[in-house]
Amino acid sequence: MSQPYTLTLSCSERPGIVHAVSSFLFEHACDIVEHQQFDDAARGQLFLRTAFVCAEQADVEQLTAAFQPVADEFGMTFTVTGDRPQRVLVMVSKLGHCLNDLIFRWRAGNLGGELVAVVSNHEDLRPMAEAAGLPFHHVPVAPGTKAEAEARLLELAEETDTDLVVLARYMQVLSDEACRALYGRAINIHHSFLPGFKGAKPYHQAFDRGVKLVGATAHYVTPDLDEGPIIEQEVIRIDHTHDPRALATVGRDAEALALSRAVRWHCERRVLLNGSSTVVFR
């Protein structure tokens, strides 16, 4: 029975890369089912995602070891993954719209990953998590206990064998150390196009400025606050009739949409880091 795998890679542009990949797959009795690549001429980099099935008996470790000589020849950074769903830990505070949307998509089977737990610095969303059958962990955060709380968050990620941490309107700033520990596997949702309307009451600020577009940005978490590589942005047009409450409602729709897409694309190994940016193979 054919087994599905995904190869993602990046390297400096040079002739022969795609030929080397396709030849490797042919030699190992693999059949390509989806292939996408992007040649970043400005940076001289090539990014590639190839989904394939393998008729021969093989596993991720064997395919990784077999592909290593090809990667060494071209200076590739690569990953071979199987069909095990990414395990997703969700962090929240009091707002539940993003968590609710993620739960809905997970139950419908189109999130791309497997929700494994919910962590919060408040108790408000415990009923929502537990109604979905998800373990809920209350980790309060106070100025004097932030380091201990973050240590517990990282422990929970390890205990649950988490692949991806999602900050679904988690209203705490992670330390530089935590950001580095979760580099490339933590996604945050921001309530606007970045940069813009930072701080308290963003939708009141937007109302005061008479904005005509409400947006949200899903990005990877980095030590530079709200400046991580952007994965997805969503925009909804509004007008002068939208008061702050209506703006918040529209904005939450945008947040849920942008976040769920970013999570799905990450879980499907469609997002590759490109310096301070990303390549997203939709």
C-alpha atoms as a PDB file:
ATOM      1  CA  MET A   1       0.000   0.000   0.000  1.00  0.00           C
ATOM      2  CA  SER A   2       1.412   3.411  -0.994  1.00  0.00           C
ATOM      3  CA  GLN A   3       2.482   5.649   1.864  1.00  0.00           C
ATOM      4  CA  PRO A   4       2.159   9.476   1.600  1.00  0.00           C
ATOM      5  CA  TYR A   5       5.108  11.760   2.335  1.00  0.00           C
ATOM      6  CA  THR A   6       6.023  15.407   1.870  1.00  0.00           C
ATOM      7  CA  LEU A   7       9.441  16.808   1.031  1.00  0.00           C
ATOM      8  CA  THR A   8      10.113  20.490   1.666  1.00  0.00           C
ATOM      9  CA  LEU A   9      13.430  22.164   0.999  1.00  0.00           C
ATOM     10  CA  SER A  10      15.253  25.415   0.378  1.00  0.00           C
ATOM     11  CA  CYS A  11      18.680  26.108  -1.075  1.00  0.00           C
ATOM     12  CA  SER A  12      20.609  28.479  -3.287  1.00  0.00           C
ATOM     13  CA  GLU A  13      19.443  28.542  -6.886  1.00  0.00           C
ATOM     14  CA  ARG A  14      21.455  26.470  -9.374  1.00  0.00           C
ATOM     15  CA  PRO A  15      20.694  24.170 -12.308  1.00  0.00           C
ATOM     16  CA  GLY A  16      19.753  20.560 -11.666  1.00  0.00           C
ATOM     17  CA  ILE A  17      17.841  20.821  -8.380  1.00  0.00           C
ATOM     18  CA  VAL A  18      14.427  19.702  -9.633  1.00  0.00           C
ATOM     19  CA  HIS A  19      16.044  16.988 -11.753  1.00  0.00           C
ATOM     20  CA  ALA A  20      17.897  15.684  -8.703  1.00  0.00           C
ATOM     21  CA  VAL A  21      14.710  15.586  -6.634  1.00  0.00           C
ATOM     22  CA  SER A  22      12.602  13.899  -9.307  1.00  0.00           C
ATOM     23  CA  SER A  23      15.373  11.393 -10.067  1.00  0.00           C
ATOM     24  CA  PHE A  24      15.644  10.497  -6.397  1.00  0.00           C
ATOM     25  CA  LEU A  25      11.925   9.897  -6.142  1.00  0.00           C
ATOM     26  CA  PHE A  26      11.883   7.805  -9.315  1.00  0.00           C
ATOM     27  CA  GLU A  27      14.776   5.673  -8.094  1.00  0.00           C
ATOM     28  CA  HIS A  28      12.899   4.987  -4.860  1.00  0.00           C
ATOM     29  CA  ALA A  29       9.637   4.002  -6.611  1.00  0.00           C
ATOM     30  CA  CYS A  30       7.866   7.165  -5.500  1.00  0.00           C
ATOM     31  CA  ASP A  31       5.101   8.902  -7.416  1.00  0.00           C
ATOM     32  CA  ILE A  32       4.700  12.691  -7.218  1.00  0.00           C
ATOM     33  CA  VAL A  33       1.112  13.746  -6.421  1.00  0.00           C
ATOM     34  CA  GLU A  34       1.703  17.485  -5.922  1.00  0.00           C
ATOM     35  CA  HIS A  35       4.696  19.676  -6.699  1.00  0.00           C
ATOM     36  CA  GLN A  36       5.236  23.387  -6.162  1.00  0.00           C
ATOM     37  CA  GLN A  37       8.375  25.502  -6.271  1.00  0.00           C
ATOM     38  CA  PHE A  38       9.326  29.148  -6.029  1.00  0.00           C
ATOM     39  CA  ASP A  39      12.493  30.704  -7.376  1.00  0.00           C
ATOM     40  CA  ASP A  40      13.245  33.812  -5.336  1.00  0.00           C
ATOM     41  CA  ALA A  41      15.359  35.696  -7.843  1.00  0.00           C
ATOM     42  CA  ALA A  42      15.816  38.648  -5.479  1.00  0.00           C
ATOM     43  CA  ARG A  43      17.477  36.448  -2.859  1.00  0.00           C
ATOM     44  CA  GLY A  44      18.863  33.741  -5.131  1.00  0.00           C
ATOM     45  CA  GLN A  45      16.974  31.041  -3.269  1.00  0.00           C
ATOM     46  CA  LEU A  46      14.796  28.145  -4.381  1.00  0.00           C
ATOM     47  CA  PHE A  47      11.920  26.765  -2.282  1.00  0.00           C
ATOM     48  CA  LEU A  48      10.219  23.483  -3.057  1.00  0.00           C
ATOM     49  CA  ARG A  49       7.372  21.351  -1.715  1.00  0.00           C
ATOM     50  CA  THR A  50       6.699  17.931  -3.205  1.00  0.00           C
ATOM     51  CA  ALA A  51       4.034  15.546  -1.942  1.00  0.00           C
ATOM     52  CA  PHE A  52       4.531  11.946  -3.058  1.00  0.00           C
ATOM     53  CA  VAL A  53       3.568   8.368  -2.369  1.00  0.00           C
ATOM     54  CA  CYS A  54       6.072   5.560  -2.041  1.00  0.00           C
ATOM     55  CA  ALA A  55       5.238   2.016  -3.123  1.00  0.00           C
ATOM     56  CA  GLU A  56       8.317   0.534  -1.467  1.00  0.00           C
ATOM     57  CA  GLN A  57       8.512  -0.164   2.248  1.00  0.00           C
ATOM     58  CA  ALA A  58      10.099   2.948   3.736  1.00  0.00           C
ATOM     59  CA  ASP A  59       9.743   5.352   6.605  1.00  0.00           C
ATOM     60  CA  VAL A  60      10.619   8.993   7.245  1.00  0.00           C
ATOM     61  CA  GLU A  61      14.007   8.155   8.758  1.00  0.00           C
ATOM     62  CA  GLN A  62      15.005   5.932   5.845  1.00  0.00           C
ATOM     63  CA  LEU A  63      13.936   8.454   3.224  1.00  0.00           C
ATOM     64  CA  THR A  64      15.692  11.258   5.100  1.00  0.00           C
ATOM     65  CA  ALA A  65      18.933   9.298   5.270  1.00  0.00           C
ATOM     66  CA  ALA A  66      18.686   8.308   1.612  1.00  0.00           C
ATOM     67  CA  PHE A  67      18.067  11.902   0.489  1.00  0.00           C
ATOM     68  CA  GLN A  68      20.913  13.353   2.568  1.00  0.00           C
ATOM     69  CA  PRO A  69      23.592  12.941  -0.170  1.00  0.00           C
ATOM     70  CA  VAL A  70      21.383  14.891  -2.600  1.00  0.00           C
ATOM     71  CA  ALA A  71      20.881  17.608   0.012  1.00  0.00           C
ATOM     72  CA  ASP A  72      24.616  17.767   0.698  1.00  0.00           C
ATOM     73  CA  GLU A  73      25.409  18.160  -2.999  1.00  0.00           C
ATOM     74  CA  PHE A  74      23.108  21.181  -3.356  1.00  0.00           C
ATOM     75  CA  GLY A  75      23.429  22.649   0.153  1.00  0.00           C
ATOM     76  CA  MET A  76      19.756  22.014   0.893  1.00  0.00           C
ATOM     77  CA  THR A  77      17.891  22.523   4.129  1.00  0.00           C
ATOM     78  CA  PHE A  78      15.171  19.886   3.903  1.00  0.00           C
ATOM     79  CA  THR A  79      12.541  17.920   5.782  1.00  0.00           C
ATOM     80  CA  VAL A  80      10.750  14.695   4.916  1.00  0.00           C
ATOM     81  CA  THR A  81       7.493  14.125   6.785  1.00  0.00           C
ATOM     82  CA  GLY A  82       4.875  11.417   6.786  1.00  0.00           C
ATOM     83  CA  ASP A  83       1.133  11.667   7.199  1.00  0.00           C
ATOM     84  CA  ARG A  84       1.051  11.959  11.006  1.00  0.00           C
ATOM     85  CA  PRO A  85      -1.108  15.016  11.787  1.00  0.00           C
ATOM     86  CA  GLN A  86       0.649  17.932  13.441  1.00  0.00           C
ATOM     87  CA  ARG A  87      -0.221  18.154  17.130  1.00  0.00           C
ATOM     88  CA  VAL A  88      -1.506  21.632  18.021  1.00  0.00           C
ATOM     89  CA  LEU A  89      -1.604  23.246  21.470  1.00  0.00           C
ATOM     90  CA  VAL A  90      -3.785  26.368  21.671  1.00  0.00           C
ATOM     91  CA  MET A  91      -3.109  29.225  24.088  1.00  0.00           C
ATOM     92  CA  VAL A  92      -5.944  31.629  24.948  1.00  0.00           C
ATOM     93  CA  SER A  93      -6.965  34.282  27.470  1.00  0.00           C
ATOM     94  CA  LYS A  94     -10.597  35.431  27.638  1.00  0.00           C
ATOM     95  CA  LEU A  95     -11.684  35.920  24.004  1.00  0.00           C
ATOM     96  CA  GLY A  96     -12.956  32.660  22.538  1.00  0.00           C
ATOM     97  CA  HIS A  97     -13.762  33.371  18.887  1.00  0.00           C
ATOM     98  CA  CYS A  98     -10.489  32.016  17.496  1.00  0.00           C
ATOM     99  CA  LEU A  99     -10.521  28.940  19.739  1.00  0.00           C
ATOM    100  CA  ASN A 100     -14.128  28.239  18.795  1.00  0.00           C
ATOM    101  CA  ASP A 101     -13.283  28.478  15.085  1.00  0.00           C
ATOM    102  CA  LEU A 102     -10.255  26.182  15.445  1.00  0.00           C
ATOM    103  CA  ILE A 103     -12.348  23.623  17.320  1.00  0.00           C
ATOM    104  CA  PHE A 104     -15.058  23.736  14.640  1.00  0.00           C
ATOM    105  CA  ARG A 105     -12.561  23.203  11.814  1.00  0.00           C
ATOM    106  CA  TRP A 106     -10.755  20.467  13.749  1.00  0.00           C
ATOM    107  CA  ARG A 107     -14.008  18.583  14.333  1.00  0.00           C
ATOM    108  CA  ALA A 108     -14.930  19.017  10.660  1.00  0.00           C
ATOM    109  CA  GLY A 109     -11.592  17.487   9.682  1.00  0.00           C
ATOM    110  CA  ASN A 110     -10.254  20.454   7.721  1.00  0.00           C
ATOM    111  CA  LEU A 111      -7.852  22.104  10.172  1.00  0.00           C
ATOM    112  CA  GLY A 112      -4.909  20.073   8.930  1.00  0.00           C
ATOM    113  CA  GLY A 113      -3.752  19.260  12.467  1.00  0.00           C
ATOM    114  CA  GLU A 114      -4.881  17.635  15.686  1.00  0.00           C
ATOM    115  CA  LEU A 115      -5.816  19.809  18.663  1.00  0.00           C
ATOM    116  CA  VAL A 116      -4.326  18.262  21.799  1.00  0.00           C
ATOM    117  CA  ALA A 117      -4.844  20.792  24.621  1.00  0.00           C
ATOM    118  CA  VAL A 118      -5.808  24.340  25.564  1.00  0.00           C
ATOM    119  CA  VAL A 119      -3.698  26.475  27.897  1.00  0.00           C
ATOM    120  CA  SER A 120      -4.934  29.741  29.381  1.00  0.00           C
ATOM    121  CA  ASN A 121      -4.001  32.344  31.951  1.00  0.00           C
ATOM    122  CA  HIS A 122      -7.720  32.599  32.819  1.00  0.00           C
ATOM    123  CA  GLU A 123     -10.513  30.116  33.525  1.00  0.00           C
ATOM    124  CA  ASP A 124     -13.080  31.708  31.191  1.00  0.00           C
ATOM    125  CA  LEU A 125     -12.714  29.309  28.262  1.00  0.00           C
ATOM    126  CA  ARG A 126     -12.492  26.072  30.230  1.00  0.00           C
ATOM    127  CA  PRO A 127     -16.124  25.121  29.393  1.00  0.00           C
ATOM    128  CA  MET A 128     -15.512  25.584  25.662  1.00  0.00           C
ATOM    129  CA  ALA A 129     -12.365  23.468  25.686  1.00  0.00           C
ATOM    130  CA  GLU A 130     -13.769  20.692  27.843  1.00  0.00           C
ATOM    131  CA  ALA A 131     -17.009  20.556  25.844  1.00  0.00           C
ATOM    132  CA  ALA A 132     -14.813  19.735  22.844  1.00  0.00           C
ATOM    133  CA  GLY A 133     -13.050  17.007  24.826  1.00  0.00           C
ATOM    134  CA  LEU A 134      -9.795  18.955  25.083  1.00  0.00           C
ATOM    135  CA  PRO A 135      -7.684  19.034  28.264  1.00  0.00           C
ATOM    136  CA  PHE A 136      -7.672  22.544  29.747  1.00  0.00           C
ATOM    137  CA  HIS A 137      -4.652  23.777  31.688  1.00  0.00           C
ATOM    138  CA  HIS A 138      -4.935  26.948  33.758  1.00  0.00           C
ATOM    139  CA  VAL A 139      -1.538  28.631  34.040  1.00  0.00           C
ATOM    140  CA  PRO A 140      -2.023  32.022  35.709  1.00  0.00           C
ATOM    141  CA  VAL A 141       0.469  34.757  34.899  1.00  0.00           C
ATOM    142  CA  ALA A 142       1.454  37.514  37.318  1.00  0.00           C
ATOM    143  CA  PRO A 143       4.348  39.988  37.101  1.00  0.00           C
ATOM    144  CA  GLY A 144       6.310  38.020  39.668  1.00  0.00           C
ATOM    145  CA  THR A 145       5.537  34.568  38.287  1.00  0.00           C
ATOM    146  CA  LYS A 146       5.884  35.064  34.526  1.00  0.00           C
ATOM    147  CA  ALA A 147       9.094  33.029  34.258  1.00  0.00           C
ATOM    148  CA  GLU A 148       7.544  30.099  36.122  1.00  0.00           C
ATOM    149  CA  ALA A 149       4.385  30.318  33.989  1.00  0.00           C
ATOM    150  CA  GLU A 150       6.386  30.228  30.761  1.00  0.00           C
ATOM    151  CA  ALA A 151       8.404  27.282  32.020  1.00  0.00           C
ATOM    152  CA  ARG A 152       5.121  25.459  32.657  1.00  0.00           C
ATOM    153  CA  LEU A 153       3.868  26.355  29.168  1.00  0.00           C
ATOM    154  CA  LEU A 154       6.973  24.845  27.604  1.00  0.00           C
ATOM    155  CA  GLU A 155       6.626  21.775  29.830  1.00  0.00           C
ATOM    156  CA  LEU A 156       3.052  21.289  28.635  1.00  0.00           C
ATOM    157  CA  ALA A 157       4.159  21.597  25.018  1.00  0.00           C
ATOM    158  CA  GLU A 158       6.715  18.858  25.620  1.00  0.00           C
ATOM    159  CA  GLU A 159       4.349  16.647  27.640  1.00  0.00           C
ATOM    160  CA  THR A 160       1.713  16.779  24.894  1.00  0.00           C
ATOM    161  CA  ASP A 161       4.289  16.166  22.143  1.00  0.00           C
ATOM    162  CA  THR A 162       3.195  19.434  20.558  1.00  0.00           C
ATOM    163  CA  ASP A 163       4.362  20.322  17.053  1.00  0.00           C
ATOM    164  CA  LEU A 164       2.691  23.743  16.844  1.00  0.00           C
ATOM    165  CA  VAL A 165       1.704  26.301  19.486  1.00  0.00           C
ATOM    166  CA  VAL A 166      -1.103  28.672  18.474  1.00  0.00           C
ATOM    167  CA  LEU A 167      -1.604  31.954  20.334  1.00  0.00           C
ATOM    168  CA  ALA A 168      -5.332  32.368  19.682  1.00  0.00           C
ATOM    169  CA  ARG A 169      -5.678  35.831  21.250  1.00  0.00           C
ATOM    170  CA  TYR A 170      -3.402  34.921  24.155  1.00  0.00           C
ATOM    171  CA  MET A 171      -2.948  38.309  25.781  1.00  0.00           C
ATOM    172  CA  GLN A 172       0.518  37.832  27.222  1.00  0.00           C
ATOM    173  CA  VAL A 173       3.839  38.772  25.632  1.00  0.00           C
ATOM    174  CA  LEU A 174       6.207  35.806  25.527  1.00  0.00           C
ATOM    175  CA  SER A 175       9.781  36.350  26.649  1.00  0.00           C
ATOM    176  CA  ASP A 176      12.649  36.303  24.183  1.00  0.00           C
ATOM    177  CA  GLU A 177      13.707  32.931  25.605  1.00  0.00           C
ATOM    178  CA  ALA A 178      10.266  31.396  25.023  1.00  0.00           C
ATOM    179  CA  CYS A 179      10.109  32.841  21.504  1.00  0.00           C
ATOM    180  CA  ARG A 180      13.472  31.316  20.657  1.00  0.00           C
ATOM    181  CA  ALA A 181      12.430  27.948  22.119  1.00  0.00           C
ATOM    182  CA  LEU A 182       9.322  27.958  19.904  1.00  0.00           C
ATOM    183  CA  TYR A 183      10.942  29.449  16.800  1.00  0.00           C
ATOM    184  CA  GLY A 184       9.180  28.350  13.626  1.00  0.00           C
ATOM    185  CA  ARG A 185       6.482  26.453  15.514  1.00  0.00           C
ATOM    186  CA  ALA A 186       4.421  29.160  17.211  1.00  0.00           C
ATOM    187  CA  ILE A 187       1.793  31.244  15.388  1.00  0.00           C
ATOM    188  CA  ASN A 188       0.170  34.416  16.713  1.00  0.00           C
ATOM    189  CA  ILE A 189      -2.893  36.287  15.458  1.00  0.00           C
ATOM    190  CA  HIS A 190      -2.778  40.083  15.473  1.00  0.00           C
ATOM    191  CA  HIS A 191      -5.862  42.278  15.249  1.00  0.00           C
ATOM    192  CA  SER A 192      -4.664  44.419  12.350  1.00  0.00           C
ATOM    193  CA  PHE A 193      -2.349  44.623   9.401  1.00  0.00           C
ATOM    194  CA  LEU A 194       1.115  44.995  10.857  1.00  0.00           C
ATOM    195  CA  PRO A 195       2.198  47.480  11.943  1.00  0.00           C
ATOM    196  CA  GLY A 196      -0.887  49.399  13.007  1.00  0.00           C
ATOM    197  CA  PHE A 197      -3.172  50.201  15.926  1.00  0.00           C
ATOM    198  CA  LYS A 198      -1.062  48.590  18.606  1.00  0.00           C
ATOM    199  CA  GLY A 199      -1.869  48.555  22.294  1.00  0.00           C
ATOM    200  CA  ALA A 200      -5.205  48.843  24.067  1.00  0.00           C
ATOM    201  CA  LYS A 201      -8.572  49.211  22.320  1.00  0.00           C
ATOM    202  CA  PRO A 202      -7.381  48.791  18.719  1.00  0.00           C
ATOM    203  CA  TYR A 203     -10.885  48.972  17.268  1.00  0.00           C
ATOM    204  CA  HIS A 204     -11.575  52.235  19.089  1.00  0.00           C
ATOM    205  CA  GLN A 205      -8.389  53.602  17.521  1.00  0.00           C
ATOM    206  CA  ALA A 206      -9.558  52.383  14.121  1.00  0.00           C
ATOM    207  CA  PHE A 207     -12.959  53.993  14.622  1.00  0.00           C
ATOM    208  CA  ASP A 208     -11.370  57.299  15.591  1.00  0.00           C
ATOM    209  CA  ARG A 209      -9.283  57.260  12.402  1.00  0.00           C
ATOM    210  CA  GLY A 210     -12.234  56.378  10.146  1.00  0.00           C
ATOM    211  CA  VAL A 211     -10.712  53.265   8.665  1.00  0.00           C
ATOM    212  CA  LYS A 212     -12.360  51.627   5.671  1.00  0.00           C
ATOM    213  CA  LEU A 213     -10.687  48.223   5.959  1.00  0.00           C
ATOM    214  CA  VAL A 214     -10.429  45.909   8.957  1.00  0.00           C
ATOM    215  CA  GLY A 215      -7.750  43.277   8.843  1.00  0.00           C
ATOM    216  CA  ALA A 216      -5.893  40.614  10.798  1.00  0.00           C
ATOM    217  CA  THR A 217      -2.409  39.137  10.502  1.00  0.00           C
ATOM    218  CA  ALA A 218      -1.234  35.628  11.367  1.00  0.00           C
ATOM    219  CA  HIS A 219       2.505  35.434  11.838  1.00  0.00           C
ATOM    220  CA  TYR A 220       5.229  33.376  13.447  1.00  0.00           C
ATOM    221  CA  VAL A 221       6.248  34.423  16.935  1.00  0.00           C
ATOM    222  CA  THR A 222       9.676  36.029  17.333  1.00  0.00           C
ATOM    223  CA  PRO A 223      11.385  38.097  20.052  1.00  0.00           C
ATOM    224  CA  ASP A 224      10.540  41.209  17.989  1.00  0.00           C
ATOM    225  CA  LEU A 225       6.974  41.859  19.158  1.00  0.00           C
ATOM    226  CA  ASP A 226       4.398  41.451  16.346  1.00  0.00           C
ATOM    227  CA  GLU A 227       7.135  41.539  13.697  1.00  0.00           C
ATOM    228  CA  GLY A 228       7.527  37.835  12.936  1.00  0.00           C
ATOM    229  CA  PRO A 229       7.313  36.377   9.417  1.00  0.00           C
ATOM    230  CA  ILE A 230       3.765  36.834   8.105  1.00  0.00           C
ATOM    231  CA  ILE A 231       1.868  33.732   6.981  1.00  0.00           C
ATOM    232  CA  GLU A 232      -1.576  35.111   6.147  1.00  0.00           C
ATOM    233  CA  GLN A 233      -3.619  38.319   6.259  1.00  0.00           C
ATOM    234  CA  GLU A 234      -7.362  38.797   5.931  1.00  0.00           C
ATOM    235  CA  VAL A 235      -9.220  42.020   5.122  1.00  0.00           C
ATOM    236  CA  ILE A 236     -12.903  42.970   5.320  1.00  0.00           C
ATOM    237  CA  ARG A 237     -14.259  46.251   3.934  1.00  0.00           C
ATOM    238  CA  ILE A 238     -16.306  48.408   6.305  1.00  0.00           C
ATOM    239  CA  ASP A 239     -17.755  51.934   6.248  1.00  0.00           C
ATOM    240  CA  HIS A 240     -18.755  54.867   8.450  1.00  0.00           C
ATOM    241  CA  THR A 241     -21.727  52.996   9.911  1.00  0.00           C
ATOM    242  CA  HIS A 242     -19.480  50.622  11.865  1.00  0.00           C
ATOM    243  CA  ASP A 243     -19.122  51.722  15.478  1.00  0.00           C
ATOM    244  CA  PRO A 244     -16.375  50.207  17.704  1.00  0.00           C
ATOM    245  CA  ARG A 245     -18.567  47.230  18.622  1.00  0.00           C
ATOM    246  CA  ALA A 246     -19.367  46.452  14.981  1.00  0.00           C
ATOM    247  CA  LEU A 247     -15.703  46.885  14.085  1.00  0.00           C
ATOM    248  CA  ALA A 248     -14.728  44.408  16.783  1.00  0.00           C
ATOM    249  CA  THR A 249     -17.236  41.875  15.435  1.00  0.00           C
ATOM    250  CA  VAL A 250     -15.923  42.201  11.888  1.00  0.00           C
ATOM    251  CA  GLY A 251     -12.353  42.156  13.157  1.00  0.00           C
ATOM    252  CA  ARG A 252     -12.888  38.911  15.025  1.00  0.00           C
ATOM    253  CA  ASP A 253     -14.176  37.300  11.847  1.00  0.00           C
ATOM    254  CA  ALA A 254     -10.973  38.392  10.103  1.00  0.00           C
ATOM    255  CA  GLU A 255      -8.848  37.071  12.964  1.00  0.00           C
ATOM    256  CA  ALA A 256     -10.502  33.646  12.910  1.00  0.00           C
ATOM    257  CA  LEU A 257     -10.145  33.329   9.126  1.00  0.00           C
ATOM    258  CA  ALA A 258      -6.502  34.398   8.967  1.00  0.00           C
ATOM    259  CA  LEU A 259      -5.504  32.217  11.906  1.00  0.00           C
ATOM    260  CA  SER A 260      -7.236  29.049  10.714  1.00  0.00           C
ATOM    261  CA  ARG A 261      -5.647  29.345   7.269  1.00  0.00           C
ATOM    262  CA  ALA A 262      -2.202  29.891   8.764  1.00  0.00           C
ATOM    263  CA  VAL A 263      -2.604  26.880  11.052  1.00  0.00           C
ATOM    264  CA  ARG A 264      -3.809  24.646   8.217  1.00  0.00           C
ATOM    265  CA  TRP A 265      -1.043  25.684   5.848  1.00  0.00           C
ATOM    266  CA  HIS A 266       1.597  25.191   8.534  1.00  0.00           C
ATOM    267  CA  CYS A 267       0.212  21.764   9.455  1.00  0.00           C
ATOM    268  CA  GLU A 268       0.198  20.752   5.790  1.00  0.00           C
ATOM    269  CA  ARG A 269       3.871  21.795   5.528  1.00  0.00           C
ATOM    270  CA  ARG A 270       3.016  24.537   3.045  1.00  0.00           C
ATOM    271  CA  VAL A 271       4.881  27.340   4.830  1.00  0.00           C
ATOM    272  CA  LEU A 272       8.642  27.742   4.443  1.00  0.00           C
ATOM    273  CA  LEU A 273      10.597  30.451   6.234  1.00  0.00           C
ATOM    274  CA  ASN A 274      12.430  32.859   3.953  1.00  0.00           C
ATOM    275  CA  GLY A 275      14.419  35.131   6.253  1.00  0.00           C
ATOM    276  CA  SER A 276      11.972  37.584   7.791  1.00  0.00           C
ATOM    277  CA  SER A 277       9.289  36.491   5.316  1.00  0.00           C
ATOM    278  CA  THR A 278       7.602  33.251   4.261  1.00  0.00           C
ATOM    279  CA  VAL A 279       6.868  31.246   1.163  1.00  0.00           C
ATOM    280  CA  VAL A 280       3.362  29.781   1.284  1.00  0.00           C
ATOM    281  CA  PHE A 281       2.469  27.010  -1.180  1.00  0.00           C
ATOM    282  CA  ARG A 282      -1.342  27.183  -1.126  1.00  0.00           C
END
